[in-house]
Amino acid sequence: MSQMKSSPLILKPRPQKVCLFYCEQLTELVNCVYLVSFMNHSKANSSYSPMH
């Protein structure tokens, strides 16, 4: 039963680490969206589509 007491601490992640992880993921997503949007604007007259 002694292991059951320390189990919740391992299962429960730190809010700071989770926030930092999501912040990094969000930053990558924003950079990707910005890059795709920039490419679409720069190639607006062309039929080239990076998504397909």
PDB file of N, CA and C in Angstrom:
ATOM      1  N   MET A   1       0.824  -1.215   0.000  1.00  0.00           N
ATOM      2  CA  MET A   1       0.000   0.000   0.000  1.00  0.00           C
ATOM      3  C   MET A   1       0.854   1.260   0.000  1.00  0.00           C
ATOM      4  N   SER A   2       2.136   1.129   0.287  1.00  0.00           N
ATOM      5  CA  SER A   2       2.999   2.305   0.362  1.00  0.00           C
ATOM      6  C   SER A   2       3.218   2.895  -1.036  1.00  0.00           C
ATOM      7  N   GLN A   3       3.195   2.037  -2.067  1.00  0.00           N
ATOM      8  CA  GLN A   3       3.382   2.538  -3.427  1.00  0.00           C
ATOM      9  C   GLN A   3       2.169   3.340  -3.909  1.00  0.00           C
ATOM     10  N   MET A   4       1.000   3.035  -3.388  1.00  0.00           N
ATOM     11  CA  MET A   4      -0.216   3.743  -3.785  1.00  0.00           C
ATOM     12  C   MET A   4      -0.154   5.217  -3.385  1.00  0.00           C
ATOM     13  N   LYS A   5       0.548   5.522  -2.305  1.00  0.00           N
ATOM     14  CA  LYS A   5       0.623   6.910  -1.831  1.00  0.00           C
ATOM     15  C   LYS A   5       1.473   7.773  -2.773  1.00  0.00           C
ATOM     16  N   SER A   6       2.528   7.212  -3.320  1.00  0.00           N
ATOM     17  CA  SER A   6       3.409   7.990  -4.192  1.00  0.00           C
ATOM     18  C   SER A   6       2.940   7.960  -5.645  1.00  0.00           C
ATOM     19  N   SER A   7       1.973   7.122  -5.948  1.00  0.00           N
ATOM     20  CA  SER A   7       1.500   6.993  -7.324  1.00  0.00           C
ATOM     21  C   SER A   7       0.835   8.268  -7.853  1.00  0.00           C
ATOM     22  N   PRO A   8      -0.073   8.898  -7.101  1.00  0.00           N
ATOM     23  CA  PRO A   8      -0.722  10.119  -7.612  1.00  0.00           C
ATOM     24  C   PRO A   8       0.261  11.240  -7.964  1.00  0.00           C
ATOM     25  N   LEU A   9       1.355  11.326  -7.238  1.00  0.00           N
ATOM     26  CA  LEU A   9       2.343  12.374  -7.519  1.00  0.00           C
ATOM     27  C   LEU A   9       3.003  12.143  -8.870  1.00  0.00           C
ATOM     28  N   ILE A  10       3.159  10.876  -9.238  1.00  0.00           N
ATOM     29  CA  ILE A  10       3.788  10.558 -10.523  1.00  0.00           C
ATOM     30  C   ILE A  10       2.787  10.754 -11.660  1.00  0.00           C
ATOM     31  N   LEU A  11       1.544  10.373 -11.411  1.00  0.00           N
ATOM     32  CA  LEU A  11       0.524  10.482 -12.452  1.00  0.00           C
ATOM     33  C   LEU A  11       0.136  11.933 -12.697  1.00  0.00           C
ATOM     34  N   LYS A  12       0.201  12.739 -11.656  1.00  0.00           N
ATOM     35  CA  LYS A  12      -0.191  14.148 -11.789  1.00  0.00           C
ATOM     36  C   LYS A  12       0.979  14.972 -12.323  1.00  0.00           C
ATOM     37  N   PRO A  13       0.865  15.511 -13.531  1.00  0.00           N
ATOM     38  CA  PRO A  13       1.944  16.305 -14.120  1.00  0.00           C
ATOM     39  C   PRO A  13       2.013  17.703 -13.515  1.00  0.00           C
ATOM     40  N   ARG A  14       3.156  18.305 -13.638  1.00  0.00           N
ATOM     41  CA  ARG A  14       3.322  19.671 -13.130  1.00  0.00           C
ATOM     42  C   ARG A  14       2.662  20.668 -14.079  1.00  0.00           C
ATOM     43  N   PRO A  15       1.881  21.583 -13.524  1.00  0.00           N
ATOM     44  CA  PRO A  15       1.198  22.582 -14.369  1.00  0.00           C
ATOM     45  C   PRO A  15       2.171  23.402 -15.216  1.00  0.00           C
ATOM     46  N   GLN A  16       3.320  23.722 -14.647  1.00  0.00           N
ATOM     47  CA  GLN A  16       4.296  24.540 -15.377  1.00  0.00           C
ATOM     48  C   GLN A  16       4.838  23.785 -16.586  1.00  0.00           C
ATOM     49  N   LYS A  17       5.131  22.490 -16.382  1.00  0.00           N
ATOM     50  CA  LYS A  17       5.662  21.708 -17.503  1.00  0.00           C
ATOM     51  C   LYS A  17       4.615  21.547 -18.590  1.00  0.00           C
ATOM     52  N   VAL A  18       3.372  21.321 -18.179  1.00  0.00           N
ATOM     53  CA  VAL A  18       2.290  21.156 -19.147  1.00  0.00           C
ATOM     54  C   VAL A  18       2.070  22.458 -19.914  1.00  0.00           C
ATOM     55  N   CYS A  19       2.086  23.563 -19.204  1.00  0.00           N
ATOM     56  CA  CYS A  19       1.892  24.868 -19.836  1.00  0.00           C
ATOM     57  C   CYS A  19       3.031  25.158 -20.818  1.00  0.00           C
ATOM     58  N   LEU A  20       4.250  24.856 -20.402  1.00  0.00           N
ATOM     59  CA  LEU A  20       5.404  25.077 -21.263  1.00  0.00           C
ATOM     60  C   LEU A  20       5.318  24.203 -22.510  1.00  0.00           C
ATOM     61  N   PHE A  21       4.883  22.946 -22.321  1.00  0.00           N
ATOM     62  CA  PHE A  21       4.749  22.025 -23.449  1.00  0.00           C
ATOM     63  C   PHE A  21       3.732  22.557 -24.459  1.00  0.00           C
ATOM     64  N   TYR A  22       2.565  22.979 -23.949  1.00  0.00           N
ATOM     65  CA  TYR A  22       1.529  23.491 -24.841  1.00  0.00           C
ATOM     66  C   TYR A  22       1.944  24.811 -25.481  1.00  0.00           C
ATOM     67  N   CYS A  23       2.703  25.605 -24.757  1.00  0.00           N
ATOM     68  CA  CYS A  23       3.197  26.863 -25.323  1.00  0.00           C
ATOM     69  C   CYS A  23       4.127  26.583 -26.498  1.00  0.00           C
ATOM     70  N   GLU A  24       4.984  25.570 -26.359  1.00  0.00           N
ATOM     71  CA  GLU A  24       5.897  25.213 -27.451  1.00  0.00           C
ATOM     72  C   GLU A  24       5.118  24.666 -28.642  1.00  0.00           C
ATOM     73  N   GLN A  25       4.120  23.819 -28.352  1.00  0.00           N
ATOM     74  CA  GLN A  25       3.300  23.256 -29.424  1.00  0.00           C
ATOM     75  C   GLN A  25       2.548  24.367 -30.150  1.00  0.00           C
ATOM     76  N   LEU A  26       2.011  25.311 -29.379  1.00  0.00           N
ATOM     77  CA  LEU A  26       1.250  26.424 -29.958  1.00  0.00           C
ATOM     78  C   LEU A  26       2.165  27.307 -30.809  1.00  0.00           C
ATOM     79  N   THR A  27       3.389  27.504 -30.345  1.00  0.00           N
ATOM     80  CA  THR A  27       4.342  28.322 -31.095  1.00  0.00           C
ATOM     81  C   THR A  27       4.677  27.668 -32.429  1.00  0.00           C
ATOM     82  N   GLU A  28       4.880  26.343 -32.415  1.00  0.00           N
ATOM     83  CA  GLU A  28       5.178  25.634 -33.658  1.00  0.00           C
ATOM     84  C   GLU A  28       3.987  25.708 -34.601  1.00  0.00           C
ATOM     85  N   LEU A  29       2.788  25.566 -34.033  1.00  0.00           N
ATOM     86  CA  LEU A  29       1.577  25.610 -34.854  1.00  0.00           C
ATOM     87  C   LEU A  29       1.418  26.975 -35.498  1.00  0.00           C
ATOM     88  N   VAL A  30       1.648  28.036 -34.711  1.00  0.00           N
ATOM     89  CA  VAL A  30       1.529  29.398 -35.229  1.00  0.00           C
ATOM     90  C   VAL A  30       2.569  29.639 -36.319  1.00  0.00           C
ATOM     91  N   ASN A  31       3.792  29.158 -36.103  1.00  0.00           N
ATOM     92  CA  ASN A  31       4.846  29.339 -37.107  1.00  0.00           C
ATOM     93  C   ASN A  31       4.490  28.602 -38.393  1.00  0.00           C
ATOM     94  N   CYS A  32       3.932  27.389 -38.253  1.00  0.00           N
ATOM     95  CA  CYS A  32       3.560  26.597 -39.423  1.00  0.00           C
ATOM     96  C   CYS A  32       2.437  27.283 -40.193  1.00  0.00           C
ATOM     97  N   VAL A  33       1.422  27.741 -39.460  1.00  0.00           N
ATOM     98  CA  VAL A  33       0.287  28.430 -40.096  1.00  0.00           C
ATOM     99  C   VAL A  33       0.747  29.713 -40.773  1.00  0.00           C
ATOM    100  N   TYR A  34       1.634  30.432 -40.113  1.00  0.00           N
ATOM    101  CA  TYR A  34       2.147  31.681 -40.683  1.00  0.00           C
ATOM    102  C   TYR A  34       2.938  31.410 -41.958  1.00  0.00           C
ATOM    103  N   LEU A  35       3.741  30.341 -41.932  1.00  0.00           N
ATOM    104  CA  LEU A  35       4.553  29.998 -43.091  1.00  0.00           C
ATOM    105  C   LEU A  35       3.666  29.601 -44.264  1.00  0.00           C
ATOM    106  N   VAL A  36       2.671  28.753 -44.006  1.00  0.00           N
ATOM    107  CA  VAL A  36       1.751  28.319 -45.063  1.00  0.00           C
ATOM    108  C   VAL A  36       0.971  29.511 -45.607  1.00  0.00           C
ATOM    109  N   SER A  37       0.524  30.380 -44.698  1.00  0.00           N
ATOM    110  CA  SER A  37      -0.229  31.555 -45.119  1.00  0.00           C
ATOM    111  C   SER A  37       0.640  32.479 -45.970  1.00  0.00           C
ATOM    112  N   PHE A  38       1.903  32.633 -45.567  1.00  0.00           N
ATOM    113  CA  PHE A  38       2.827  33.486 -46.314  1.00  0.00           C
ATOM    114  C   PHE A  38       3.069  32.916 -47.707  1.00  0.00           C
ATOM    115  N   MET A  39       3.218  31.591 -47.784  1.00  0.00           N
ATOM    116  CA  MET A  39       3.440  30.934 -49.077  1.00  0.00           C
ATOM    117  C   MET A  39       2.208  31.085 -49.966  1.00  0.00           C
ATOM    118  N   ASN A  40       1.029  30.953 -49.380  1.00  0.00           N
ATOM    119  CA  ASN A  40      -0.211  31.079 -50.151  1.00  0.00           C
ATOM    120  C   ASN A  40      -0.363  32.499 -50.691  1.00  0.00           C
ATOM    121  N   HIS A  41       0.004  33.492 -49.872  1.00  0.00           N
ATOM    122  CA  HIS A  41      -0.104  34.887 -50.306  1.00  0.00           C
ATOM    123  C   HIS A  41       0.927  35.197 -51.390  1.00  0.00           C
ATOM    124  N   SER A  42       2.124  34.634 -51.248  1.00  0.00           N
ATOM    125  CA  SER A  42       3.183  34.920 -52.214  1.00  0.00           C
ATOM    126  C   SER A  42       2.936  34.187 -53.530  1.00  0.00           C
ATOM    127  N   LYS A  43       2.180  33.080 -53.474  1.00  0.00           N
ATOM    128  CA  LYS A  43       1.880  32.322 -54.687  1.00  0.00           C
ATOM    129  C   LYS A  43       0.380  32.364 -54.974  1.00  0.00           C
ATOM    130  N   ALA A  44      -0.234  33.515 -54.738  1.00  0.00           N
ATOM    131  CA  ALA A  44      -1.688  33.625 -54.899  1.00  0.00           C
ATOM    132  C   ALA A  44      -2.091  33.465 -56.362  1.00  0.00           C
ATOM    133  N   ASN A  45      -1.251  33.941 -57.277  1.00  0.00           N
ATOM    134  CA  ASN A  45      -1.583  33.883 -58.695  1.00  0.00           C
ATOM    135  C   ASN A  45      -1.260  32.518 -59.305  1.00  0.00           C
ATOM    136  N   SER A  46      -0.536  31.691 -58.562  1.00  0.00           N
ATOM    137  CA  SER A  46      -0.147  30.385 -59.082  1.00  0.00           C
ATOM    138  C   SER A  46      -1.135  29.318 -58.622  1.00  0.00           C
ATOM    139  N   SER A  47      -1.153  28.184 -59.319  1.00  0.00           N
ATOM    140  CA  SER A  47      -2.067  27.092 -58.968  1.00  0.00           C
ATOM    141  C   SER A  47      -1.398  26.129 -57.986  1.00  0.00           C
ATOM    142  N   TYR A  48      -0.177  26.466 -57.560  1.00  0.00           N
ATOM    143  CA  TYR A  48       0.567  25.605 -56.633  1.00  0.00           C
ATOM    144  C   TYR A  48      -0.072  25.649 -55.259  1.00  0.00           C
ATOM    145  N   SER A  49      -0.327  24.464 -54.693  1.00  0.00           N
ATOM    146  CA  SER A  49      -0.935  24.389 -53.365  1.00  0.00           C
ATOM    147  C   SER A  49      -0.126  23.440 -52.498  1.00  0.00           C
ATOM    148  N   PRO A  50       0.538  23.939 -51.427  1.00  0.00           N
ATOM    149  CA  PRO A  50       1.391  23.108 -50.568  1.00  0.00           C
ATOM    150  C   PRO A  50       0.587  22.093 -49.750  1.00  0.00           C
ATOM    151  N   MET A  51      -0.714  22.359 -49.551  1.00  0.00           N
ATOM    152  CA  MET A  51      -1.539  21.467 -48.739  1.00  0.00           C
ATOM    153  C   MET A  51      -1.887  20.196 -49.520  1.00  0.00           C
ATOM    154  N   HIS A  52      -2.032  20.310 -50.830  1.00  0.00           N
ATOM    155  CA  HIS A  52      -2.386  19.155 -51.655  1.00  0.00           C
ATOM    156  C   HIS A  52      -1.211  18.793 -52.503  1.00  0.00           C
TER     157      HIS A  52
END
